[in-house]
Amino acid sequence: MTITVAYEDTVVSIDGETDGEALWVSPEVLARALGWEVKPEGLCRGPLCVPLRSGVVRTDGAVDLAALARQRGQTFEHDAGHAVWVFGPGAAPGGPHSVLAPDFTLPDLAGQRHTLSVFRGRKVLLNSWASW
């Protein structure tokens, strides 16, 4: 099916397949039309690489452009017939990211134990180092 995609600064007509809220595109079409390439480190567009999460790539190699957008925090909409998809700007590379860290408890230098969950809702700086 031919689909019109407005992706950030590009508008193209591509061959793709829709399935509910998924827009499946072959890796070749994705690279040629939008500049995203499947590499060992993930999906890359220029210097930006996004790790591949479950559900972004099908076993036949097709990439769900909508799942990639959700992973990047990028907004998107499509028409009722899924023939036109519009994607907003992605998050800035290197910009702030919010990730919920797993809970853990560690002692400080005096031996007093501190649990991360006690600080939920407050900003916490985790500083780690290794001697190797």
N, C-alpha and C. Protein backbone atom coordinates (compact mmCIF):
# COMPACT_ATOMS: atom_id res chain seq x y z
N MET A 1 0.85 -1.18 0.00
CA MET A 1 0.00 0.00 0.00
C MET A 1 0.90 1.24 0.00
N THR A 2 0.56 2.23 -0.80
CA THR A 2 1.32 3.47 -0.83
C THR A 2 0.81 4.38 0.29
N ILE A 3 1.75 4.85 1.09
CA ILE A 3 1.43 5.67 2.25
C ILE A 3 2.22 6.96 2.17
N THR A 4 1.56 8.08 2.44
CA THR A 4 2.25 9.37 2.51
C THR A 4 2.69 9.58 3.94
N VAL A 5 3.98 9.86 4.10
CA VAL A 5 4.56 10.05 5.43
C VAL A 5 5.22 11.43 5.49
N ALA A 6 4.79 12.23 6.46
CA ALA A 6 5.46 13.49 6.78
C ALA A 6 6.27 13.21 8.03
N TYR A 7 7.59 13.11 7.86
CA TYR A 7 8.46 12.72 8.97
C TYR A 7 9.45 13.85 9.22
N GLU A 8 9.23 14.56 10.33
CA GLU A 8 10.05 15.70 10.71
C GLU A 8 10.13 16.67 9.54
N ASP A 9 11.22 16.71 8.78
CA ASP A 9 11.38 17.69 7.71
C ASP A 9 11.21 17.10 6.32
N THR A 10 10.67 15.87 6.22
CA THR A 10 10.57 15.18 4.94
C THR A 10 9.13 14.71 4.70
N VAL A 11 8.66 14.85 3.46
CA VAL A 11 7.37 14.29 3.06
C VAL A 11 7.64 13.35 1.89
N VAL A 12 7.26 12.07 2.06
CA VAL A 12 7.52 11.07 1.03
C VAL A 12 6.32 10.14 0.89
N SER A 13 6.22 9.51 -0.27
CA SER A 13 5.27 8.42 -0.48
C SER A 13 6.08 7.14 -0.45
N ILE A 14 5.66 6.21 0.39
CA ILE A 14 6.42 4.97 0.56
C ILE A 14 5.49 3.77 0.45
N ASP A 15 6.09 2.62 0.20
CA ASP A 15 5.35 1.37 0.28
C ASP A 15 5.44 0.89 1.71
N GLY A 16 4.31 0.63 2.31
CA GLY A 16 4.28 0.17 3.70
C GLY A 16 3.04 -0.65 3.97
N GLU A 17 2.93 -1.09 5.19
CA GLU A 17 1.81 -1.92 5.61
C GLU A 17 1.36 -1.42 6.97
N THR A 18 0.06 -1.23 7.14
CA THR A 18 -0.45 -0.79 8.43
C THR A 18 -1.19 -1.92 9.10
N ASP A 19 -1.13 -1.89 10.43
CA ASP A 19 -1.80 -2.90 11.25
C ASP A 19 -2.17 -2.21 12.55
N GLY A 20 -3.40 -1.70 12.63
CA GLY A 20 -3.79 -0.94 13.82
C GLY A 20 -2.97 0.33 13.92
N GLU A 21 -2.22 0.46 15.01
CA GLU A 21 -1.37 1.63 15.23
C GLU A 21 0.07 1.40 14.79
N ALA A 22 0.30 0.40 13.96
CA ALA A 22 1.65 0.11 13.48
C ALA A 22 1.77 0.49 12.01
N LEU A 23 2.93 1.02 11.65
CA LEU A 23 3.27 1.33 10.26
C LEU A 23 4.54 0.58 9.93
N TRP A 24 4.40 -0.55 9.23
CA TRP A 24 5.53 -1.42 8.92
C TRP A 24 6.14 -1.03 7.59
N VAL A 25 7.47 -0.84 7.62
CA VAL A 25 8.22 -0.42 6.44
C VAL A 25 9.45 -1.31 6.32
N SER A 26 9.79 -1.69 5.08
CA SER A 26 10.99 -2.50 4.89
C SER A 26 12.23 -1.67 5.22
N PRO A 27 13.32 -2.33 5.65
CA PRO A 27 14.55 -1.58 5.95
C PRO A 27 15.07 -0.79 4.75
N GLU A 28 14.90 -1.34 3.56
CA GLU A 28 15.37 -0.65 2.34
C GLU A 28 14.59 0.65 2.11
N VAL A 29 13.27 0.58 2.25
CA VAL A 29 12.44 1.78 2.08
C VAL A 29 12.74 2.79 3.17
N LEU A 30 12.90 2.31 4.40
CA LEU A 30 13.19 3.19 5.53
C LEU A 30 14.50 3.94 5.31
N ALA A 31 15.51 3.25 4.82
CA ALA A 31 16.82 3.89 4.58
C ALA A 31 16.73 4.88 3.43
N ARG A 32 16.12 4.46 2.32
CA ARG A 32 16.05 5.32 1.13
C ARG A 32 15.18 6.56 1.36
N ALA A 33 14.03 6.38 2.01
CA ALA A 33 13.06 7.47 2.14
C ALA A 33 13.32 8.39 3.33
N LEU A 34 13.76 7.81 4.46
CA LEU A 34 13.87 8.61 5.69
C LEU A 34 15.26 8.63 6.31
N GLY A 35 16.18 7.85 5.77
CA GLY A 35 17.55 7.88 6.27
C GLY A 35 17.84 7.01 7.47
N TRP A 36 16.88 6.20 7.93
CA TRP A 36 17.09 5.29 9.06
C TRP A 36 17.68 3.99 8.54
N GLU A 37 18.76 3.54 9.15
CA GLU A 37 19.40 2.29 8.76
C GLU A 37 19.46 1.34 9.94
N VAL A 38 19.20 0.06 9.67
CA VAL A 38 19.32 -0.97 10.70
C VAL A 38 20.79 -1.35 10.80
N LYS A 39 21.38 -1.15 11.98
CA LYS A 39 22.77 -1.49 12.23
C LYS A 39 22.84 -2.34 13.49
N PRO A 40 23.99 -2.95 13.77
CA PRO A 40 24.10 -3.77 14.99
C PRO A 40 23.77 -3.00 16.27
N GLU A 41 24.06 -1.67 16.30
CA GLU A 41 23.79 -0.88 17.49
C GLU A 41 22.35 -0.40 17.58
N GLY A 42 21.54 -0.64 16.53
CA GLY A 42 20.15 -0.24 16.54
C GLY A 42 19.74 0.42 15.24
N LEU A 43 18.71 1.23 15.28
CA LEU A 43 18.29 2.02 14.13
C LEU A 43 19.05 3.34 14.18
N CYS A 44 19.73 3.66 13.11
CA CYS A 44 20.58 4.86 13.10
C CYS A 44 20.18 5.79 11.96
N ARG A 45 20.20 7.08 12.27
CA ARG A 45 19.96 8.14 11.28
C ARG A 45 21.04 9.17 11.53
N GLY A 46 22.05 9.16 10.68
CA GLY A 46 23.21 10.02 10.90
C GLY A 46 23.89 9.59 12.19
N PRO A 47 24.22 10.55 13.06
CA PRO A 47 24.91 10.20 14.30
C PRO A 47 23.99 9.65 15.40
N LEU A 48 22.67 9.73 15.19
CA LEU A 48 21.70 9.27 16.19
C LEU A 48 21.41 7.79 16.00
N CYS A 49 21.61 7.00 17.05
CA CYS A 49 21.27 5.57 17.03
C CYS A 49 20.31 5.28 18.18
N VAL A 50 19.26 4.54 17.87
CA VAL A 50 18.24 4.17 18.84
C VAL A 50 18.29 2.66 19.02
N PRO A 51 18.52 2.16 20.25
CA PRO A 51 18.53 0.71 20.46
C PRO A 51 17.20 0.10 20.05
N LEU A 52 17.24 -1.11 19.52
CA LEU A 52 16.02 -1.78 19.08
C LEU A 52 15.32 -2.44 20.26
N ARG A 53 14.10 -2.03 20.53
CA ARG A 53 13.29 -2.65 21.57
C ARG A 53 12.37 -3.68 20.93
N SER A 54 11.85 -4.54 21.75
CA SER A 54 10.92 -5.56 21.28
C SER A 54 9.72 -4.89 20.61
N GLY A 55 9.31 -5.42 19.47
CA GLY A 55 8.15 -4.90 18.76
C GLY A 55 8.46 -3.86 17.72
N VAL A 56 9.71 -3.39 17.64
CA VAL A 56 10.06 -2.38 16.64
C VAL A 56 10.40 -3.04 15.32
N VAL A 57 11.03 -4.21 15.36
CA VAL A 57 11.40 -4.92 14.13
C VAL A 57 10.73 -6.29 14.13
N ARG A 58 10.10 -6.62 13.01
CA ARG A 58 9.45 -7.92 12.83
C ARG A 58 10.48 -8.96 12.41
N THR A 59 10.10 -10.21 12.47
CA THR A 59 11.01 -11.29 12.09
C THR A 59 11.41 -11.21 10.61
N ASP A 60 10.56 -10.61 9.77
CA ASP A 60 10.91 -10.46 8.35
C ASP A 60 11.77 -9.23 8.10
N GLY A 61 12.14 -8.50 9.16
CA GLY A 61 13.01 -7.33 9.04
C GLY A 61 12.30 -6.00 8.93
N ALA A 62 10.98 -6.02 8.73
CA ALA A 62 10.22 -4.77 8.63
C ALA A 62 10.28 -4.01 9.95
N VAL A 63 10.29 -2.69 9.86
CA VAL A 63 10.40 -1.81 11.02
C VAL A 63 9.08 -1.09 11.23
N ASP A 64 8.60 -1.05 12.47
CA ASP A 64 7.38 -0.32 12.81
C ASP A 64 7.78 1.12 13.11
N LEU A 65 7.51 2.00 12.16
CA LEU A 65 7.88 3.40 12.31
C LEU A 65 7.15 4.06 13.48
N ALA A 66 5.92 3.62 13.76
CA ALA A 66 5.16 4.16 14.89
C ALA A 66 5.79 3.73 16.22
N ALA A 67 6.23 2.48 16.32
CA ALA A 67 6.88 2.00 17.54
C ALA A 67 8.20 2.73 17.77
N LEU A 68 8.94 2.98 16.68
CA LEU A 68 10.18 3.77 16.79
C LEU A 68 9.86 5.16 17.32
N ALA A 69 8.80 5.78 16.80
CA ALA A 69 8.41 7.12 17.26
C ALA A 69 8.05 7.11 18.74
N ARG A 70 7.28 6.11 19.17
CA ARG A 70 6.92 6.03 20.59
C ARG A 70 8.17 5.87 21.45
N GLN A 71 9.10 5.04 21.00
CA GLN A 71 10.34 4.84 21.76
C GLN A 71 11.14 6.13 21.87
N ARG A 72 11.10 6.96 20.84
CA ARG A 72 11.84 8.23 20.83
C ARG A 72 11.07 9.37 21.51
N GLY A 73 9.84 9.13 21.94
CA GLY A 73 9.04 10.19 22.54
C GLY A 73 8.53 11.16 21.49
N GLN A 74 8.36 10.65 20.29
CA GLN A 74 7.95 11.46 19.14
C GLN A 74 6.44 11.31 18.93
N THR A 75 5.75 12.41 18.71
CA THR A 75 4.31 12.34 18.48
C THR A 75 4.04 11.98 17.02
N PHE A 76 2.88 11.35 16.80
CA PHE A 76 2.47 11.05 15.43
C PHE A 76 0.96 10.89 15.37
N GLU A 77 0.42 11.09 14.19
CA GLU A 77 -1.01 10.91 13.92
C GLU A 77 -1.16 10.33 12.53
N HIS A 78 -2.31 9.70 12.27
CA HIS A 78 -2.61 9.21 10.93
C HIS A 78 -4.08 9.44 10.65
N ASP A 79 -4.42 9.41 9.38
CA ASP A 79 -5.82 9.58 9.02
C ASP A 79 -6.58 8.28 9.26
N ALA A 80 -7.89 8.33 9.10
CA ALA A 80 -8.74 7.17 9.40
C ALA A 80 -8.41 5.97 8.52
N GLY A 81 -7.98 6.20 7.30
CA GLY A 81 -7.66 5.11 6.39
C GLY A 81 -6.22 4.66 6.46
N HIS A 82 -5.43 5.25 7.37
CA HIS A 82 -4.00 4.92 7.54
C HIS A 82 -3.17 5.17 6.28
N ALA A 83 -3.63 6.07 5.42
CA ALA A 83 -2.90 6.37 4.18
C ALA A 83 -1.96 7.56 4.34
N VAL A 84 -2.17 8.37 5.38
CA VAL A 84 -1.32 9.53 5.64
C VAL A 84 -0.90 9.50 7.10
N TRP A 85 0.42 9.55 7.34
CA TRP A 85 0.98 9.56 8.69
C TRP A 85 1.84 10.79 8.83
N VAL A 86 1.71 11.48 9.96
CA VAL A 86 2.50 12.69 10.25
C VAL A 86 3.23 12.48 11.57
N PHE A 87 4.55 12.65 11.52
CA PHE A 87 5.40 12.47 12.70
C PHE A 87 6.00 13.80 13.09
N GLY A 88 5.92 14.14 14.37
CA GLY A 88 6.50 15.38 14.88
C GLY A 88 7.99 15.23 15.09
N PRO A 89 8.62 16.28 15.60
CA PRO A 89 10.07 16.21 15.86
C PRO A 89 10.38 15.23 16.98
N GLY A 90 11.52 14.58 16.86
CA GLY A 90 11.98 13.67 17.90
C GLY A 90 12.68 14.42 19.00
N ALA A 91 12.95 13.73 20.09
CA ALA A 91 13.69 14.34 21.20
C ALA A 91 15.09 14.68 20.72
N ALA A 92 15.64 15.75 21.23
CA ALA A 92 16.98 16.16 20.84
C ALA A 92 18.02 15.14 21.31
N PRO A 93 18.95 14.75 20.40
CA PRO A 93 20.00 13.83 20.83
C PRO A 93 20.79 14.41 22.00
N GLY A 94 21.03 13.60 22.99
CA GLY A 94 21.80 14.05 24.14
C GLY A 94 20.99 14.89 25.12
N GLY A 95 19.70 15.07 24.83
CA GLY A 95 18.86 15.86 25.72
C GLY A 95 18.53 15.10 26.99
N PRO A 96 17.82 15.74 27.90
CA PRO A 96 17.50 15.07 29.16
C PRO A 96 16.56 13.91 28.94
N HIS A 97 16.78 12.85 29.66
CA HIS A 97 15.95 11.66 29.59
C HIS A 97 15.51 11.30 31.00
N SER A 98 14.34 10.76 31.11
CA SER A 98 13.83 10.34 32.41
C SER A 98 13.67 8.83 32.40
N VAL A 99 14.35 8.18 33.30
CA VAL A 99 14.28 6.74 33.41
C VAL A 99 14.12 6.40 34.89
N LEU A 100 13.20 5.50 35.18
CA LEU A 100 12.99 5.07 36.55
C LEU A 100 14.00 3.98 36.88
N ALA A 101 14.89 4.27 37.80
CA ALA A 101 15.93 3.31 38.19
C ALA A 101 15.33 2.25 39.11
N PRO A 102 15.84 1.03 39.03
CA PRO A 102 15.37 0.00 39.95
C PRO A 102 15.79 0.34 41.38
N ASP A 103 15.02 -0.10 42.34
CA ASP A 103 15.34 0.19 43.73
C ASP A 103 16.55 -0.62 44.18
N PHE A 104 17.39 0.01 44.99
CA PHE A 104 18.53 -0.69 45.57
C PHE A 104 18.93 -0.01 46.87
N THR A 105 19.71 -0.71 47.68
CA THR A 105 20.21 -0.19 48.95
C THR A 105 21.72 -0.40 48.98
N LEU A 106 22.45 0.67 49.31
CA LEU A 106 23.90 0.61 49.39
C LEU A 106 24.38 1.36 50.63
N PRO A 107 25.50 0.94 51.20
CA PRO A 107 26.05 1.67 52.36
C PRO A 107 26.89 2.85 51.90
N ASP A 108 26.92 3.90 52.74
CA ASP A 108 27.84 5.00 52.47
C ASP A 108 29.19 4.68 53.12
N LEU A 109 30.12 5.62 53.10
CA LEU A 109 31.45 5.35 53.64
C LEU A 109 31.45 5.09 55.15
N ALA A 110 30.42 5.58 55.84
CA ALA A 110 30.31 5.36 57.28
C ALA A 110 29.55 4.07 57.60
N GLY A 111 29.08 3.36 56.58
CA GLY A 111 28.36 2.13 56.80
C GLY A 111 26.86 2.29 56.91
N GLN A 112 26.35 3.52 56.87
CA GLN A 112 24.90 3.75 56.95
C GLN A 112 24.28 3.37 55.60
N ARG A 113 23.19 2.58 55.67
CA ARG A 113 22.56 2.11 54.44
C ARG A 113 21.55 3.13 53.93
N HIS A 114 21.54 3.32 52.60
CA HIS A 114 20.62 4.25 51.95
C HIS A 114 19.87 3.51 50.85
N THR A 115 18.54 3.70 50.79
CA THR A 115 17.70 3.05 49.80
C THR A 115 17.17 4.10 48.83
N LEU A 116 17.31 3.81 47.54
CA LEU A 116 16.93 4.78 46.52
C LEU A 116 15.45 5.15 46.60
N SER A 117 14.57 4.20 46.88
CA SER A 117 13.13 4.49 46.88
C SER A 117 12.73 5.53 47.92
N VAL A 118 13.54 5.75 48.94
CA VAL A 118 13.26 6.76 49.95
C VAL A 118 13.27 8.16 49.31
N PHE A 119 14.02 8.31 48.22
CA PHE A 119 14.17 9.61 47.56
C PHE A 119 13.23 9.80 46.37
N ARG A 120 12.26 8.89 46.15
CA ARG A 120 11.34 9.02 45.02
C ARG A 120 10.64 10.37 45.09
N GLY A 121 10.50 10.99 43.92
CA GLY A 121 9.86 12.29 43.84
C GLY A 121 10.83 13.45 43.99
N ARG A 122 12.08 13.13 44.31
CA ARG A 122 13.10 14.17 44.43
C ARG A 122 14.22 13.87 43.43
N LYS A 123 14.94 14.90 43.06
CA LYS A 123 16.07 14.70 42.15
C LYS A 123 17.21 14.04 42.90
N VAL A 124 17.82 13.05 42.25
CA VAL A 124 18.91 12.30 42.85
C VAL A 124 20.03 12.19 41.82
N LEU A 125 21.24 12.47 42.25
CA LEU A 125 22.41 12.28 41.40
C LEU A 125 23.10 11.00 41.83
N LEU A 126 23.21 10.06 40.90
CA LEU A 126 23.91 8.81 41.19
C LEU A 126 25.28 8.91 40.55
N ASN A 127 26.30 8.85 41.37
CA ASN A 127 27.67 8.93 40.89
C ASN A 127 28.32 7.57 41.11
N SER A 128 28.80 6.98 40.04
CA SER A 128 29.44 5.67 40.18
C SER A 128 30.83 5.72 39.55
N TRP A 129 31.68 4.82 39.96
CA TRP A 129 33.01 4.76 39.40
C TRP A 129 33.51 3.32 39.53
N ALA A 130 34.54 3.04 38.82
CA ALA A 130 35.17 1.71 38.90
C ALA A 130 36.68 1.91 38.93
N SER A 131 37.35 0.98 39.57
CA SER A 131 38.80 1.13 39.71
C SER A 131 39.58 0.48 38.59
N TRP A 132 38.90 -0.18 37.68
CA TRP A 132 39.67 -0.83 36.61
C TRP A 132 39.91 0.13 35.53
